[in-house]
C-alpha cells in the first residue's frame, strides 16, 4: 500500500514529530514502550538473518574496523570543529562532543535493514563501537575538552545484550528452525519496523519537547552538519578504499546515526540540561536524514532494476 511506502517514511516522521511537540503528554506516558519496541524490531530483523551472515562478516573484518575507526576519529573531530567554527556555548560544545564520541545507535541497524544494506555488518559495528565507547567516550571527551565523564559501563553492556544480542539471536534461531513459515510474514516486517521507529522518534520528541522548543538555529545547524559529515565520510571513505555499494551504505548509516540517547543521559547526569540539547535534537534529526537517505536509495535501486529489466 502506498501509505506504507518507504518513500513516505520522512513524511510520517515529521507528522508524528509535530504531533509530539503539540500534544506531548500521551506520548510521554509511552516512554516505557521504547525498549519493547526496539526489541521487537531487532527480533524482526533477526528473522531475516542466518548464522552464515555473521560468519561472512567475520571474513570482512576490514569493513567493521573501518566503520568503527571513522566513528571515533571523524565524528569527535567534527563535533569539536563545528563547535569552534559556530562558537557554541560551553554546555552545547560538551553536548555535541558527547554525541560525537558515542557509539552507533540501534536505529542505524533498522535503517540499514530498510535500505537492504548489510544488516549483520551494521549490527557487528554497533556491537563493537558500543563496547569501544565504554573506554573511548570518557577518554576522548577528556582529551578534547579536558572534562571527565564516568560512563556506566555495566549498564551499557546489559542494555546492549537486552536490546540487540538477545532479540536478534532469537530471531536468527527462529529463522533457522522455522524458515518456511516465517516467509509468510517477512514481507510485512519492514513496514512494522518503519512504524515502530516512527513511534520511538515521536516519544523521544515528546520527552524533549520543552528543550527542543528552545533550541537556537545555530545548534540546529551544528547538529545537521555533524550528521551530514558522518553520512558523507562513512560512504565516501568506504568507496574510496574500494568497498561495494552495499557496504558503503551500511558504513554511512552506521557512522551518521549515533546513540544520541546515551549522550542525552550522560549530559543530564554529569553536566547540565543545556548539554543534553544536542543529543535530543540529534535523536530527531538523524532519523529524519536517515529515512530521507533510505527513501532515496530505495528509489535509486528501483530505477536501476527497471533499467536492467528493459
Protein backbone atom coordinates (compact mmCIF):
# COMPACT_ATOMS: atom_id res chain seq x y z
CA UNK A 1 0.00 0.00 0.00
CA UNK A 2 1.24 3.47 -0.92
CA UNK A 3 0.82 4.96 2.56
CA UNK A 4 3.24 2.34 3.94
CA UNK A 5 5.88 3.10 1.30
CA UNK A 6 9.44 3.73 2.48
CA UNK A 7 9.30 6.89 0.37
CA UNK A 8 6.80 8.38 2.84
CA UNK A 9 8.89 7.46 5.89
CA UNK A 10 10.22 11.05 6.30
CA UNK A 11 6.69 12.43 5.95
CA UNK A 12 5.37 10.15 8.68
CA UNK A 13 8.35 11.07 10.89
CA UNK A 14 7.58 14.78 10.50
CA UNK A 15 3.85 14.30 11.11
CA UNK A 16 4.34 12.27 14.27
CA UNK A 17 7.13 14.57 15.49
CA UNK A 18 4.88 17.60 15.02
CA UNK A 19 2.11 15.84 16.94
CA UNK A 20 4.58 15.02 19.72
CA UNK A 21 5.55 18.69 20.02
CA UNK A 22 1.93 19.86 20.18
CA UNK A 23 0.48 17.03 22.28
CA UNK A 24 3.43 15.50 24.18
CA UNK A 25 1.56 14.15 27.22
CA UNK A 26 0.12 10.91 25.71
CA UNK A 27 3.48 10.01 24.18
CA UNK A 28 5.44 10.84 27.33
CA UNK A 29 3.33 8.21 29.08
CA UNK A 30 4.53 5.70 26.46
CA UNK A 31 8.17 6.12 27.50
CA UNK A 32 8.29 2.54 28.79
CA UNK A 33 7.35 1.30 25.30
CA UNK A 34 10.68 2.31 23.75
CA UNK A 35 12.61 -0.76 24.92
CA UNK A 36 9.93 -3.33 23.93
CA UNK A 37 9.52 -1.66 20.52
CA UNK A 38 13.26 -1.74 19.85
CA UNK A 39 13.44 -5.36 20.99
CA UNK A 40 10.54 -6.25 18.67
CA UNK A 41 12.27 -4.53 15.75
CA UNK A 42 15.51 -6.37 16.49
CA UNK A 43 13.61 -9.66 16.70
CA UNK A 44 12.08 -8.98 13.29
CA UNK A 45 15.48 -8.21 11.80
CA UNK A 46 16.88 -11.39 13.31
CA UNK A 47 14.18 -13.33 11.48
CA UNK A 48 15.71 -12.20 8.19
CA UNK A 49 19.27 -13.24 9.11
CA UNK A 50 21.15 -16.53 9.00
CA UNK A 51 24.18 -17.62 11.02
CA UNK A 52 26.14 -17.57 7.77
CA UNK A 53 25.58 -13.81 7.54
CA UNK A 54 27.66 -13.27 10.68
CA UNK A 55 30.31 -15.72 9.55
CA UNK A 56 30.59 -13.69 6.35
CA UNK A 57 31.10 -10.51 8.42
CA UNK A 58 33.99 -12.11 10.28
CA UNK A 59 35.62 -12.58 6.90
CA UNK A 60 35.23 -8.83 6.27
CA UNK A 61 36.89 -7.50 9.40
CA UNK A 62 38.33 -4.58 7.44
CA UNK A 63 34.86 -3.11 6.86
CA UNK A 64 33.97 -3.39 10.55
CA UNK A 65 37.21 -1.76 11.66
CA UNK A 66 36.86 0.99 9.05
CA UNK A 67 33.36 1.88 10.26
CA UNK A 68 34.39 1.90 13.92
CA UNK A 69 37.51 3.89 13.08
CA UNK A 70 35.52 6.61 11.28
CA UNK A 71 33.08 6.60 14.20
CA UNK A 72 35.69 7.52 16.79
CA UNK A 73 38.07 9.63 14.67
CA UNK A 74 35.93 11.69 12.28
CA UNK A 75 32.85 12.26 14.45
CA UNK A 76 34.63 13.64 17.57
CA UNK A 77 36.85 15.90 15.43
CA UNK A 78 33.78 17.09 13.50
CA UNK A 79 31.98 17.88 16.77
CA UNK A 80 34.93 19.89 18.08
CA UNK A 81 35.48 21.68 14.76
CA UNK A 82 31.82 22.67 14.37
CA UNK A 83 31.67 23.88 17.97
CA UNK A 84 34.66 26.16 17.36
CA UNK A 85 33.50 27.42 13.96
CA UNK A 86 29.98 28.17 15.20
CA UNK A 87 31.25 29.47 18.56
CA UNK A 88 28.84 27.33 20.60
CA UNK A 89 28.38 27.82 24.33
CA UNK A 90 30.50 25.54 26.50
CA UNK A 91 27.45 23.48 27.53
CA UNK A 92 26.44 22.93 23.91
CA UNK A 93 30.01 22.05 22.95
CA UNK A 94 30.06 19.39 25.66
CA UNK A 95 26.75 18.00 24.43
CA UNK A 96 27.86 17.87 20.78
CA UNK A 97 31.12 16.19 21.82
CA UNK A 98 29.15 13.55 23.75
CA UNK A 99 27.19 12.84 20.56
CA UNK A 100 30.42 12.67 18.56
CA UNK A 101 32.17 10.26 20.90
CA UNK A 102 29.31 7.85 21.47
CA UNK A 103 28.69 4.61 19.58
CA UNK A 104 26.43 3.89 16.64
CA UNK A 105 22.78 3.65 17.62
CA UNK A 106 20.38 0.75 17.19
CA UNK A 107 18.36 2.90 14.78
CA UNK A 108 21.23 2.50 12.31
CA UNK A 109 20.55 -1.23 12.22
CA UNK A 110 16.92 -0.56 11.32
CA UNK A 111 17.80 1.96 8.61
CA UNK A 112 20.33 -0.48 7.15
CA UNK A 113 17.59 -3.11 7.16
CA UNK A 114 15.19 -0.77 5.34
CA UNK A 115 17.71 0.12 2.59
CA UNK A 116 18.69 -3.52 2.12
CA UNK A 117 22.19 -2.90 3.42
CA UNK A 118 24.34 -5.45 5.23
CA UNK A 119 22.39 -5.78 8.50
CA UNK A 120 24.81 -8.27 10.00
CA UNK A 121 27.68 -5.86 9.30
CA UNK A 122 25.70 -2.97 10.80
CA UNK A 123 24.88 -4.95 13.94
CA UNK A 124 28.51 -6.02 14.26
CA UNK A 125 29.70 -2.41 14.01
CA UNK A 126 27.11 -1.31 16.57
CA UNK A 127 28.20 -4.03 18.99
CA UNK A 128 31.91 -3.29 18.63
CA UNK A 129 31.54 0.51 18.69
CA UNK A 130 29.33 0.29 21.79
CA UNK A 131 31.93 -1.79 23.60
CA UNK A 132 34.69 0.56 22.45
CA UNK A 133 32.66 3.56 23.65
CA UNK A 134 32.93 2.30 27.23
CA UNK A 135 36.59 3.33 27.11
CA UNK A 136 36.77 5.81 24.23
CA UNK A 137 33.83 8.07 25.15
CA UNK A 138 35.23 9.26 28.50
CA UNK A 139 38.81 9.30 27.15
CA UNK A 140 38.01 11.33 24.02
CA UNK A 141 35.80 13.74 25.99
CA UNK A 142 38.64 14.31 28.43
CA UNK A 143 41.22 14.52 25.64
CA UNK A 144 39.34 17.16 23.62
CA UNK A 145 37.54 19.09 26.35
CA UNK A 146 39.58 18.35 29.46
CA UNK A 147 36.41 17.02 31.08
CA UNK A 148 35.89 13.65 32.70
CA UNK A 149 32.75 11.61 32.09
CA UNK A 150 32.07 8.46 34.08
CA UNK A 151 30.41 6.01 31.71
CA UNK A 152 28.00 3.46 33.26
CA UNK A 153 29.85 0.59 31.60
CA UNK A 154 27.95 -2.33 33.10
CA UNK A 155 24.56 -0.75 32.45
CA UNK A 156 25.60 -0.20 28.83
CA UNK A 157 26.60 -3.81 28.40
CA UNK A 158 23.34 -5.05 29.94
CA UNK A 159 21.30 -2.74 27.70
CA UNK A 160 23.28 -3.87 24.67
CA UNK A 161 22.58 -7.52 25.43
CA UNK A 162 18.91 -6.79 26.11
CA UNK A 163 18.24 -4.59 23.09
CA UNK A 164 20.38 -6.23 20.43
CA UNK A 165 22.01 -9.57 21.20
CA UNK A 166 19.10 -11.46 22.73
CA UNK A 167 16.27 -10.50 20.32
CA UNK A 168 18.41 -10.81 17.20
CA UNK A 169 19.80 -14.17 18.35
CA UNK A 170 16.25 -15.36 19.00
CA UNK A 171 15.18 -14.15 15.55
CA UNK A 172 18.07 -15.96 13.88
CA UNK A 173 17.16 -19.14 15.77
CA UNK A 174 13.53 -18.85 14.69
CA UNK A 175 14.62 -18.29 11.09
CA UNK A 176 16.86 -21.33 11.29
CA UNK A 177 14.22 -23.71 12.61
CA UNK A 178 11.05 -22.19 11.09
CA UNK A 179 12.32 -20.69 7.83
CA UNK A 180 9.33 -21.67 5.67
CA UNK A 181 6.55 -20.44 8.00
CA UNK A 182 8.42 -17.15 8.56
CA UNK A 183 8.48 -16.48 4.82
CA UNK A 184 4.78 -15.63 5.12
CA UNK A 185 5.37 -12.69 7.48
CA UNK A 186 8.80 -11.50 6.30
CA UNK A 187 7.30 -9.11 3.68
CA UNK A 188 5.50 -7.12 6.42
CA UNK A 189 8.48 -6.91 8.77
CA UNK A 190 9.92 -3.75 7.13
CA UNK A 191 6.55 -2.00 7.49
CA UNK A 192 6.38 -2.93 11.17
CA UNK A 193 9.95 -1.75 11.68
CA UNK A 194 9.20 1.55 9.96
CA UNK A 195 6.25 2.40 12.17
CA UNK A 196 7.96 1.16 15.33
CA UNK A 197 10.80 3.60 14.67
CA UNK A 198 8.33 6.39 13.92
CA UNK A 199 6.65 5.85 17.30
CA UNK A 200 10.02 5.76 19.05
CA UNK A 201 11.03 9.05 17.41
CA UNK A 202 7.71 10.61 18.45
CA UNK A 203 8.21 9.51 22.05
CA UNK A 204 11.75 10.95 22.08
CA UNK A 205 10.42 14.25 20.71
CA UNK A 206 7.68 14.33 23.34
CA UNK A 207 10.14 13.65 26.14
CA UNK A 208 12.30 16.56 24.97
CA UNK A 209 9.59 18.92 23.72
CA UNK A 210 10.45 21.75 26.11
CA UNK A 211 14.16 21.62 25.32
CA UNK A 212 13.57 21.31 21.56
CA UNK A 213 11.34 24.39 21.53
CA UNK A 214 14.19 26.44 22.98
CA UNK A 215 16.86 25.21 20.58
CA UNK A 216 18.62 28.02 18.74
CA UNK A 217 19.17 27.82 15.00
CA UNK A 218 22.95 27.70 15.35
CA UNK A 219 22.64 24.45 17.30
CA UNK A 220 20.31 23.02 14.67
CA UNK A 221 22.92 23.89 12.04
CA UNK A 222 25.65 22.20 14.09
CA UNK A 223 23.62 19.00 14.50
CA UNK A 224 22.63 18.83 10.82
CA UNK A 225 26.22 19.45 9.69
CA UNK A 226 27.60 16.90 12.17
CA UNK A 227 25.20 14.23 10.95
CA UNK A 228 25.97 15.05 7.30
CA UNK A 229 29.70 14.73 7.93
CA UNK A 230 29.12 11.26 9.38
CA UNK A 231 26.99 10.10 6.47
CA UNK A 232 29.26 11.55 3.79
CA UNK A 233 32.54 10.40 5.36
CA UNK A 234 31.21 6.91 6.01
CA UNK A 235 30.05 6.50 2.43
CA UNK A 236 32.91 8.38 0.76
CA UNK A 237 35.79 6.74 2.63
CA UNK A 238 34.25 3.28 2.13
CA UNK A 239 34.01 3.83 -1.63
CA UNK A 240 37.48 5.39 -1.68
CA UNK A 241 39.09 2.27 -0.23
CA UNK A 242 37.21 0.04 -2.65
CA UNK A 243 34.17 -1.33 -0.82
CA UNK A 244 30.97 -2.16 -2.71
CA UNK A 245 27.83 -0.02 -2.69
CA UNK A 246 26.02 -2.16 -0.10
CA UNK A 247 28.91 -1.94 2.36
CA UNK A 248 29.39 1.81 1.75
CA UNK A 249 25.72 2.47 2.52
CA UNK A 250 25.95 0.39 5.68
CA UNK A 251 29.02 2.22 6.97
CA UNK A 252 27.49 5.61 6.10
CA UNK A 253 24.34 4.94 8.10
CA UNK A 254 26.24 3.38 10.98
CA UNK A 255 28.58 6.37 11.32
CA UNK A 256 25.91 9.02 10.75
CA UNK A 257 23.35 7.63 13.21
CA UNK A 258 24.77 7.96 16.70
CA UNK A 259 23.48 6.59 20.00
CA UNK A 260 22.30 10.08 20.90
CA UNK A 261 20.04 8.73 23.64
CA UNK A 262 23.15 7.74 25.59
CA UNK A 263 24.65 11.20 25.10
CA UNK A 264 21.46 12.79 26.45
CA UNK A 265 21.52 10.55 29.53
CA UNK A 266 25.21 11.29 30.22
CA UNK A 267 24.71 15.02 29.71
CA UNK A 268 21.80 15.16 32.15
CA UNK A 269 23.64 13.07 34.73
CA UNK A 270 27.09 14.64 34.61
CA UNK A 271 26.64 18.12 33.11
CA UNK A 272 23.62 20.40 32.53
CA UNK A 273 20.21 20.29 30.86
CA UNK A 274 21.56 22.54 28.10
CA UNK A 275 24.29 19.97 27.41
CA UNK A 276 21.54 17.46 26.63
CA UNK A 277 20.09 19.62 23.83
CA UNK A 278 22.46 18.47 21.04
CA UNK A 279 21.67 14.81 21.76
CA UNK A 280 17.93 15.49 21.96
CA UNK A 281 17.92 17.30 18.62
CA UNK A 282 20.20 14.68 17.06
CA UNK A 283 17.74 11.97 18.14
CA UNK A 284 15.15 13.55 15.89
CA UNK A 285 17.33 14.75 13.02
CA UNK A 286 19.39 11.62 12.37
CA UNK A 287 16.21 9.59 11.95
CA UNK A 288 14.82 12.13 9.50
CA UNK A 289 18.05 12.34 7.49
CA UNK A 290 18.45 8.57 7.64
CA UNK A 291 14.91 8.00 6.41
CA UNK A 292 15.37 10.52 3.58
CA UNK A 293 18.57 8.75 2.55
CA UNK A 294 16.82 5.38 2.81
CA UNK A 295 14.00 6.57 0.55
CA UNK A 296 16.50 7.98 -1.97
CA UNK A 297 18.48 4.74 -2.15
CA UNK A 298 15.30 2.67 -2.42
CA UNK A 299 14.11 4.79 -5.34
CA UNK A 300 17.56 4.64 -6.97
CA UNK A 301 17.62 0.84 -6.68
CA UNK A 302 14.14 0.56 -8.18
CA UNK A 303 15.11 2.69 -11.16
CA UNK A 304 18.29 0.68 -11.63
CA UNK A 305 16.28 -2.55 -11.52
CA UNK A 306 13.81 -1.20 -14.09
CA UNK A 307 16.67 -0.14 -16.35
CA UNK A 308 18.24 -3.59 -16.07
CA UNK A 309 14.92 -5.21 -17.00
CA UNK A 310 14.46 -3.01 -20.08
